[in-house]
Amino acid sequence: MRHPISMVAALVAVTVTAASCAGPTPNDGSGRGPITLVRGRDTSGKLRPLLEQWNQSHPNERVTLLELPENADGQRSQLVQYLQARSDRFDVLALDVVWTAEFAAHGWIVPLDGIDTSRLLPPAVKTGAYGGHHYAVPWNTNAALLYYRTDLVKTPPRTWDELKIDCAARPQNIGCYAGQYAQYEGLTVNVSEAIHSAGGEIVSNDGKDIVVDSAEARAGLNFLVDGFRQGYIPPEAITYNEEASRRAFQQGRLLFLRNWPYVYRRANEPGPDSVVQGKFGVAPIPGPKGTGTSTLGGFNLAVSKFSPRQKTAVEFIKWLTGETAQRYLLTGMSLAPTFEALYDDKELRQDRPYLATLEQALRTARPRPATPYYNEVSLAVQRPAYKALQGEESPDAAVQEMADRLRQASG
């Protein structure tokens, strides 16, 4: 039985076709039947045509898309509530890569060791592993890109100092640089990138030691703090998430933007709300001495332990991570695919000129800590960093507070 719980009203069910309006029907006892895919809100509006391809070839195992809030924190909160209630509402879960360990440790998702991942990008595949098993398969991956106005900047900055020089020379009616600095998961991502780019770490590679209390970590955070203090990051960026920052760049209010690959297609769409169509390029994010280090992002696909249709769910995941669906993920939705061979496709590289830069960023990207307590770890980074960006705490004090909070979270 599907469990009604308090937040069900916040979940938006989007039917892929009119025939699925009633939602999945009971399975036949074989582990097969209609299924649901739950993920964050599809701001592109391009996912449903892909899912309809599955539905046309699987009339008895149709998929219904269920959309959660746009921000990652809201998505995780609702998923956790359903899974804690042992609800069978969801079959296939689209999980932020950092949630795999937590969901596996709580027994909410099942091992998927039988799915062949040999044709997928190795860094992305690793994000689905926990405790010696693969609990999730990478659907799309992500690495940060620097978007820049080609009509205002001849060459993109390679270092933080070069970025500051460009900012000083920009037209005065435009902000300079922004990422995602609202207090949510996006801030953890941006702070992690700054720290890693400066040569610092948050936790050790084995995840056991807290090592954020370092000069390098302070230098990374200080780059962002100085941005607000000196003005090369506009004050309103303290409220930016991915979409708010994308709109600011697309509307001509920023010279540079740190964001994910999906922005490339959106910013090139014609319309009265865009002034940058055909007037921007992409480059690696800058660091203190050269190319910076992106945070490895993306979403993995997992199967709910409480799904009675796990066989269909597994087959659906195989299909979504196959070459045909992965190609559409790139060409139809401008998301970074995990199917490795697509990055060497000459036709795709010509049509998507950022692919070579993206592949480079993916190969050198750093994951966030893999821990069952990731939510606590993320909050331990977000809260002090946000205070520092607002000028309420120095970068030194914020890094020390991060270290103290991280020790408490891991203790």
Protein backbone atom coordinates (compact mmCIF):
# COMPACT_ATOMS: atom_id res chain seq x y z
CA MET A 1 0.00 0.00 0.00
CA ARG A 2 1.23 3.48 -0.76
CA HIS A 3 1.73 5.40 2.45
CA PRO A 4 0.11 8.85 2.76
CA ILE A 5 2.42 11.17 4.69
CA SER A 6 2.29 14.85 5.45
CA MET A 7 4.41 16.14 2.58
CA VAL A 8 2.58 14.38 -0.21
CA ALA A 9 0.89 17.64 -1.26
CA ALA A 10 4.29 19.12 -2.05
CA LEU A 11 5.06 16.37 -4.54
CA VAL A 12 4.10 17.20 -8.10
CA ALA A 13 3.12 14.19 -10.20
CA VAL A 14 3.68 14.69 -13.90
CA THR A 15 2.11 12.06 -16.13
CA VAL A 16 4.15 11.16 -19.15
CA THR A 17 1.05 10.45 -21.22
CA ALA A 18 -2.66 10.71 -20.62
CA ALA A 19 -2.85 6.92 -20.38
CA SER A 20 -0.79 7.00 -17.21
CA CYS A 21 -2.94 9.53 -15.38
CA ALA A 22 -4.05 6.93 -12.86
CA GLY A 23 -0.45 6.17 -11.95
CA PRO A 24 1.15 2.73 -11.76
CA THR A 25 -1.14 -0.23 -11.26
CA PRO A 26 -0.26 -3.13 -8.98
CA ASN A 27 2.45 -5.42 -10.28
CA ASP A 28 1.77 -9.04 -11.19
CA GLY A 29 4.03 -10.53 -8.53
CA SER A 30 6.98 -10.94 -10.89
CA GLY A 31 8.69 -7.71 -9.89
CA ARG A 32 7.45 -6.11 -13.07
CA GLY A 33 4.82 -3.54 -13.88
CA PRO A 34 4.36 0.22 -14.27
CA ILE A 35 6.97 2.22 -12.39
CA THR A 36 7.69 5.73 -11.18
CA LEU A 37 10.82 7.82 -11.61
CA VAL A 38 11.27 10.49 -8.96
CA ARG A 39 13.66 13.41 -9.46
CA GLY A 40 13.97 17.13 -8.99
CA ARG A 41 11.83 19.43 -11.11
CA ASP A 42 12.67 19.21 -14.80
CA THR A 43 13.30 22.88 -15.56
CA SER A 44 14.19 22.02 -19.16
CA GLY A 45 10.82 20.47 -19.97
CA LYS A 46 12.71 17.99 -22.17
CA LEU A 47 12.64 14.82 -20.09
CA ARG A 48 9.12 13.63 -20.89
CA PRO A 49 9.82 12.98 -24.62
CA LEU A 50 12.65 10.66 -23.58
CA LEU A 51 10.45 8.77 -21.14
CA GLU A 52 7.76 8.44 -23.79
CA GLN A 53 10.23 6.45 -25.89
CA TRP A 54 10.38 3.89 -23.08
CA ASN A 55 6.60 3.89 -22.71
CA GLN A 56 6.02 3.20 -26.40
CA SER A 57 8.19 0.09 -26.27
CA HIS A 58 7.03 -1.02 -22.80
CA PRO A 59 3.23 -0.58 -22.77
CA ASN A 60 2.82 -2.81 -19.70
CA GLU A 61 5.71 -1.25 -17.79
CA ARG A 62 5.08 2.43 -18.32
CA VAL A 63 6.98 5.03 -16.32
CA THR A 64 5.40 8.01 -14.59
CA LEU A 65 7.57 10.99 -13.71
CA LEU A 66 7.22 12.44 -10.22
CA GLU A 67 8.91 15.79 -9.65
CA LEU A 68 10.33 17.06 -6.38
CA PRO A 69 11.39 20.65 -5.56
CA GLU A 70 14.01 22.36 -7.68
CA ASN A 71 16.65 22.60 -4.94
CA ALA A 72 18.66 19.61 -3.76
CA ASP A 73 17.92 20.10 -0.07
CA GLY A 74 14.17 19.98 -0.68
CA GLN A 75 14.53 16.88 -2.83
CA ARG A 76 16.49 14.99 -0.22
CA SER A 77 14.10 15.96 2.57
CA GLN A 78 11.07 14.60 0.75
CA LEU A 79 12.81 11.43 -0.38
CA VAL A 80 13.95 10.69 3.17
CA GLN A 81 10.44 11.16 4.56
CA TYR A 82 8.94 8.70 2.09
CA LEU A 83 11.68 6.12 2.53
CA GLN A 84 11.62 6.33 6.31
CA ALA A 85 7.90 5.55 6.02
CA ARG A 86 8.82 2.48 3.86
CA SER A 87 6.56 3.83 1.15
CA ASP A 88 6.40 2.07 -2.22
CA ARG A 89 5.48 5.36 -3.88
CA PHE A 90 8.83 5.48 -5.72
CA ASP A 91 10.54 2.80 -7.80
CA VAL A 92 13.56 4.51 -9.42
CA LEU A 93 15.23 7.31 -7.48
CA ALA A 94 17.37 10.03 -9.04
CA LEU A 95 19.85 10.80 -6.26
CA ASP A 96 22.44 13.54 -5.98
CA VAL A 97 25.75 11.69 -6.16
CA VAL A 98 26.54 12.49 -2.53
CA TRP A 99 23.39 10.78 -1.23
CA THR A 100 24.39 7.26 -2.30
CA ALA A 101 26.25 6.40 0.89
CA GLU A 102 23.49 7.70 3.16
CA PHE A 103 20.66 5.92 1.33
CA ALA A 104 22.64 2.66 1.10
CA ALA A 105 23.68 2.74 4.77
CA HIS A 106 20.03 3.13 5.82
CA GLY A 107 18.95 0.21 3.66
CA TRP A 108 16.66 2.34 1.47
CA ILE A 109 18.14 1.23 -1.88
CA VAL A 110 19.22 -2.15 -3.22
CA PRO A 111 22.63 -3.23 -4.62
CA LEU A 112 22.92 -3.00 -8.41
CA ASP A 113 26.15 -4.95 -8.87
CA GLY A 114 24.67 -6.83 -11.84
CA ILE A 115 24.45 -3.73 -14.04
CA ASP A 116 27.39 -3.36 -16.44
CA THR A 117 28.97 0.07 -15.99
CA SER A 118 32.13 -0.55 -18.05
CA ARG A 119 31.09 1.94 -20.76
CA LEU A 120 30.40 4.75 -18.31
CA LEU A 121 32.85 7.40 -17.05
CA PRO A 122 34.91 5.87 -14.21
CA PRO A 123 34.82 8.96 -11.91
CA ALA A 124 31.03 8.97 -12.15
CA VAL A 125 30.74 5.22 -11.58
CA LYS A 126 32.70 5.52 -8.33
CA THR A 127 30.02 7.80 -6.87
CA GLY A 128 27.56 4.88 -6.88
CA ALA A 129 29.74 2.65 -4.70
CA TYR A 130 29.40 2.09 -0.97
CA GLY A 131 30.60 -0.69 1.32
CA GLY A 132 32.00 -2.83 -1.48
CA HIS A 133 28.83 -2.74 -3.60
CA HIS A 134 27.37 -0.53 -6.31
CA TYR A 135 24.07 0.84 -5.11
CA ALA A 136 23.53 3.37 -7.88
CA VAL A 137 24.36 3.88 -11.56
CA PRO A 138 25.41 7.33 -12.82
CA TRP A 139 22.70 8.87 -15.02
CA ASN A 140 24.21 12.26 -15.68
CA THR A 141 27.41 13.74 -14.37
CA ASN A 142 28.47 17.33 -13.87
CA ALA A 143 31.47 19.57 -13.68
CA ALA A 144 31.52 23.33 -13.41
CA LEU A 145 32.18 25.56 -16.40
CA LEU A 146 33.02 29.26 -16.57
CA TYR A 147 30.56 31.06 -18.86
CA TYR A 148 31.87 34.38 -20.17
CA ARG A 149 30.68 37.16 -22.48
CA THR A 150 32.65 36.89 -25.72
CA ASP A 151 31.45 40.34 -26.81
CA LEU A 152 33.01 41.89 -23.69
CA VAL A 153 36.03 39.66 -22.97
CA LYS A 154 38.60 38.63 -25.58
CA THR A 155 39.97 35.63 -23.69
CA PRO A 156 38.59 33.98 -20.54
CA PRO A 157 40.57 34.35 -17.31
CA ARG A 158 42.75 31.40 -16.33
CA THR A 159 43.43 32.54 -12.78
CA TRP A 160 41.64 34.40 -10.01
CA ASP A 161 43.91 37.41 -10.51
CA GLU A 162 43.09 37.55 -14.22
CA LEU A 163 39.39 37.37 -13.37
CA LYS A 164 39.76 40.31 -10.99
CA ILE A 165 41.53 42.34 -13.69
CA ASP A 166 38.69 41.65 -16.13
CA CYS A 167 36.19 42.60 -13.44
CA ALA A 168 37.91 45.93 -12.87
CA ALA A 169 37.70 46.72 -16.60
CA ARG A 170 34.07 45.65 -17.11
CA PRO A 171 31.27 48.05 -18.07
CA GLN A 172 29.88 49.60 -14.90
CA ASN A 173 26.29 48.60 -15.68
CA ILE A 174 27.02 44.89 -15.30
CA GLY A 175 28.01 42.67 -12.39
CA CYS A 176 31.16 40.64 -12.77
CA TYR A 177 31.28 37.11 -11.38
CA ALA A 178 28.89 34.80 -9.57
CA GLY A 179 28.25 31.22 -8.64
CA GLN A 180 25.70 29.82 -6.20
CA TYR A 181 25.93 31.35 -2.74
CA ALA A 182 22.54 30.95 -1.09
CA GLN A 183 22.73 28.77 2.02
CA TYR A 184 21.99 25.36 0.50
CA GLU A 185 23.89 22.49 -1.12
CA GLY A 186 25.07 24.72 -3.96
CA LEU A 187 27.09 26.75 -1.47
CA THR A 188 28.85 23.60 -0.26
CA VAL A 189 29.73 22.84 -3.89
CA ASN A 190 31.11 26.33 -4.56
CA VAL A 191 33.10 26.46 -1.32
CA SER A 192 34.51 22.97 -1.98
CA GLU A 193 35.62 24.09 -5.44
CA ALA A 194 37.38 27.17 -4.09
CA ILE A 195 39.14 25.15 -1.39
CA HIS A 196 40.19 22.36 -3.76
CA SER A 197 41.31 24.86 -6.39
CA ALA A 198 43.59 26.48 -3.81
CA GLY A 199 45.15 23.11 -3.00
CA GLY A 200 43.19 22.48 0.18
CA GLU A 201 40.97 19.64 1.36
CA ILE A 202 37.91 19.35 3.55
CA VAL A 203 38.37 15.73 4.60
CA SER A 204 41.14 13.28 3.77
CA ASN A 205 40.83 10.97 0.76
CA ASP A 206 39.77 8.06 2.96
CA GLY A 207 37.13 10.26 4.58
CA LYS A 208 38.47 9.64 8.10
CA ASP A 209 40.33 12.83 8.94
CA ILE A 210 39.15 16.46 9.06
CA VAL A 211 41.81 18.50 7.25
CA VAL A 212 39.98 21.71 6.36
CA ASP A 213 41.86 23.78 8.94
CA SER A 214 44.66 24.82 6.57
CA ALA A 215 46.14 27.89 4.88
CA GLU A 216 44.96 26.58 1.50
CA ALA A 217 41.37 26.23 2.67
CA ARG A 218 41.48 29.76 4.06
CA ALA A 219 42.81 31.06 0.74
CA GLY A 220 39.98 29.38 -1.15
CA LEU A 221 37.25 30.75 1.09
CA ASN A 222 38.93 34.16 1.11
CA PHE A 223 38.59 34.37 -2.70
CA LEU A 224 34.80 34.22 -2.33
CA VAL A 225 34.70 36.50 0.72
CA ASP A 226 36.85 39.09 -1.07
CA GLY A 227 34.48 38.86 -4.02
CA PHE A 228 31.62 40.25 -1.94
CA ARG A 229 33.84 42.65 -0.02
CA GLN A 230 35.60 44.08 -3.09
CA GLY A 231 32.59 43.94 -5.38
CA TYR A 232 33.62 41.51 -8.10
CA ILE A 233 30.78 39.32 -6.83
CA PRO A 234 27.57 41.42 -6.76
CA PRO A 235 25.68 41.62 -3.43
CA GLU A 236 22.55 39.96 -4.82
CA ALA A 237 24.54 36.80 -5.56
CA ILE A 238 24.18 35.87 -1.87
CA THR A 239 20.68 34.68 -2.86
CA TYR A 240 21.68 32.79 -6.02
CA ASN A 241 21.01 29.14 -6.70
CA GLU A 242 21.65 27.53 -10.10
CA GLU A 243 18.59 28.94 -11.82
CA ALA A 244 18.78 32.44 -10.31
CA SER A 245 22.41 32.76 -11.37
CA ARG A 246 21.62 31.37 -14.82
CA ARG A 247 18.91 33.98 -15.30
CA ALA A 248 21.24 36.77 -14.16
CA PHE A 249 23.82 35.79 -16.78
CA GLN A 250 21.23 35.21 -19.50
CA GLN A 251 19.67 38.61 -18.86
CA GLY A 252 23.03 40.32 -19.24
CA ARG A 253 23.63 41.12 -15.58
CA LEU A 254 26.92 39.18 -15.25
CA LEU A 255 30.20 39.08 -17.13
CA PHE A 256 31.18 35.64 -15.77
CA LEU A 257 29.17 32.76 -14.36
CA ARG A 258 30.20 29.54 -12.68
CA ASN A 259 27.50 26.98 -13.43
CA TRP A 260 26.77 23.53 -14.86
CA PRO A 261 26.68 22.47 -18.56
CA TYR A 262 22.88 22.69 -18.84
CA VAL A 263 23.18 26.49 -18.94
CA TYR A 264 24.75 26.34 -22.40
CA ARG A 265 21.50 25.39 -24.13
CA ARG A 266 19.31 27.62 -21.98
CA ALA A 267 21.47 30.70 -22.52
CA ASN A 268 21.45 30.16 -26.29
CA GLU A 269 17.66 30.12 -26.50
CA PRO A 270 16.19 33.16 -28.27
CA GLY A 271 13.69 35.33 -26.49
CA PRO A 272 13.13 38.70 -24.83
CA ASP A 273 14.61 37.42 -21.58
CA SER A 274 18.02 36.66 -23.09
CA VAL A 275 20.66 39.08 -24.31
CA VAL A 276 23.58 36.64 -24.49
CA GLN A 277 22.47 34.30 -27.28
CA GLY A 278 25.51 33.72 -29.47
CA LYS A 279 27.58 36.07 -27.30
CA PHE A 280 29.16 33.74 -24.76
CA GLY A 281 31.71 30.98 -24.50
CA VAL A 282 32.81 28.43 -21.93
CA ALA A 283 36.16 27.79 -20.28
CA PRO A 284 37.50 25.87 -17.28
CA ILE A 285 36.86 27.54 -13.96
CA PRO A 286 39.91 29.55 -12.83
CA GLY A 287 42.05 28.88 -9.78
CA PRO A 288 44.79 30.79 -7.98
CA LYS A 289 47.57 29.65 -10.31
CA GLY A 290 45.71 28.16 -13.27
CA THR A 291 42.72 25.96 -13.99
CA GLY A 292 40.59 25.37 -10.93
CA THR A 293 39.19 22.09 -9.63
CA SER A 294 35.49 21.48 -10.16
CA THR A 295 33.27 19.62 -7.76
CA LEU A 296 31.99 16.41 -9.34
CA GLY A 297 28.23 16.65 -9.54
CA GLY A 298 25.41 14.81 -11.20
CA PHE A 299 22.67 12.35 -10.38
CA ASN A 300 22.71 8.60 -9.90
CA LEU A 301 19.86 6.16 -10.41
CA ALA A 302 18.91 3.76 -7.63
CA VAL A 303 16.09 1.32 -6.94
CA SER A 304 13.98 1.69 -3.83
CA LYS A 305 14.10 -1.29 -1.51
CA PHE A 306 10.36 -0.87 -1.03
CA SER A 307 9.50 -1.08 -4.73
CA PRO A 308 7.53 -4.21 -5.70
CA ARG A 309 8.61 -3.68 -9.33
CA GLN A 310 12.39 -3.93 -8.99
CA LYS A 311 12.98 -6.00 -12.14
CA THR A 312 11.36 -3.37 -14.33
CA ALA A 313 13.18 -0.63 -12.40
CA VAL A 314 16.56 -2.27 -13.10
CA GLU A 315 15.76 -2.65 -16.81
CA PHE A 316 14.70 0.99 -16.95
CA ILE A 317 18.01 2.10 -15.39
CA LYS A 318 19.93 0.05 -17.95
CA TRP A 319 17.96 1.77 -20.70
CA LEU A 320 18.47 5.29 -19.29
CA THR A 321 22.24 4.72 -19.10
CA GLY A 322 22.52 3.17 -22.57
CA GLU A 323 23.93 5.04 -25.54
CA THR A 324 20.63 6.12 -27.13
CA ALA A 325 19.13 7.64 -23.98
CA GLN A 326 22.48 9.13 -22.98
CA ARG A 327 22.84 10.82 -26.36
CA TYR A 328 19.41 12.43 -25.89
CA LEU A 329 20.45 13.52 -22.40
CA LEU A 330 23.15 15.60 -24.06
CA THR A 331 21.44 16.74 -27.26
CA GLY A 332 17.92 17.14 -25.88
CA MET A 333 18.57 18.31 -22.32
CA SER A 334 22.17 19.65 -22.40
CA LEU A 335 23.11 17.49 -19.44
CA ALA A 336 26.51 15.85 -19.18
CA PRO A 337 26.16 12.17 -20.09
CA THR A 338 28.01 9.37 -18.33
CA PHE A 339 28.38 7.25 -21.50
CA GLU A 340 32.10 7.73 -22.10
CA ALA A 341 32.26 7.30 -25.90
CA LEU A 342 29.96 10.28 -26.49
CA TYR A 343 32.73 12.68 -25.49
CA ASP A 344 34.80 11.54 -28.49
CA ASP A 345 31.93 11.75 -30.98
CA LYS A 346 33.02 14.21 -33.71
CA GLU A 347 29.49 15.25 -34.61
CA LEU A 348 28.60 15.94 -31.00
CA ARG A 349 31.82 17.89 -30.43
CA GLN A 350 31.02 20.09 -33.42
CA ASP A 351 27.47 20.69 -32.24
CA ARG A 352 28.46 21.09 -28.57
CA PRO A 353 31.77 22.99 -28.62
CA TYR A 354 32.04 22.87 -24.82
CA LEU A 355 32.38 19.05 -24.73
CA ALA A 356 36.19 18.98 -24.75
CA THR A 357 36.33 21.52 -21.91
CA LEU A 358 33.69 19.59 -20.00
CA GLU A 359 35.50 16.27 -20.39
CA GLN A 360 38.70 17.88 -19.09
CA ALA A 361 36.83 19.23 -16.08
CA LEU A 362 35.20 15.87 -15.39
CA ARG A 363 38.50 14.01 -15.47
CA THR A 364 40.00 16.30 -12.81
CA ALA A 365 36.88 16.99 -10.75
CA ARG A 366 36.82 16.16 -7.06
CA PRO A 367 33.87 14.47 -5.33
CA ARG A 368 32.39 15.69 -2.10
CA PRO A 369 32.92 13.42 0.95
CA ALA A 370 31.24 10.00 0.64
CA THR A 371 29.64 9.50 4.03
CA PRO A 372 26.30 8.31 5.42
CA TYR A 373 26.25 11.60 7.33
CA TYR A 374 26.72 13.81 4.31
CA ASN A 375 23.83 16.14 5.16
CA GLU A 376 25.50 17.01 8.47
CA VAL A 377 28.85 17.43 6.70
CA SER A 378 27.32 19.77 4.13
CA LEU A 379 25.69 21.90 6.82
CA ALA A 380 29.02 22.07 8.65
CA VAL A 381 30.52 23.67 5.54
CA GLN A 382 27.55 25.84 4.54
CA ARG A 383 26.81 27.63 7.77
CA PRO A 384 30.24 29.09 8.59
CA ALA A 385 30.89 29.86 4.91
CA TYR A 386 27.62 31.74 4.59
CA LYS A 387 28.43 33.85 7.65
CA ALA A 388 31.82 34.68 6.15
CA LEU A 389 30.29 35.70 2.81
CA GLN A 390 27.90 37.99 4.66
CA GLY A 391 30.80 39.59 6.53
CA GLU A 392 29.68 38.26 9.91
CA GLU A 393 32.80 36.14 10.40
CA SER A 394 36.35 36.22 9.09
CA PRO A 395 37.53 33.47 6.71
CA ASP A 396 39.95 32.26 9.41
CA ALA A 397 37.19 31.97 11.99
CA ALA A 398 34.85 30.35 9.46
CA VAL A 399 37.36 27.65 8.55
CA GLN A 400 37.99 26.93 12.23
CA GLU A 401 34.25 26.67 12.78
CA MET A 402 33.98 24.31 9.81
CA ALA A 403 36.62 22.05 11.33
CA ASP A 404 34.84 22.02 14.70
CA ARG A 405 31.44 21.29 13.14
CA LEU A 406 32.89 18.57 10.91
CA ARG A 407 34.45 16.83 13.90
CA GLN A 408 31.08 16.90 15.65
CA ALA A 409 29.32 15.58 12.54
CA SER A 410 31.78 12.70 12.14
CA GLY A 411 32.01 11.95 15.85
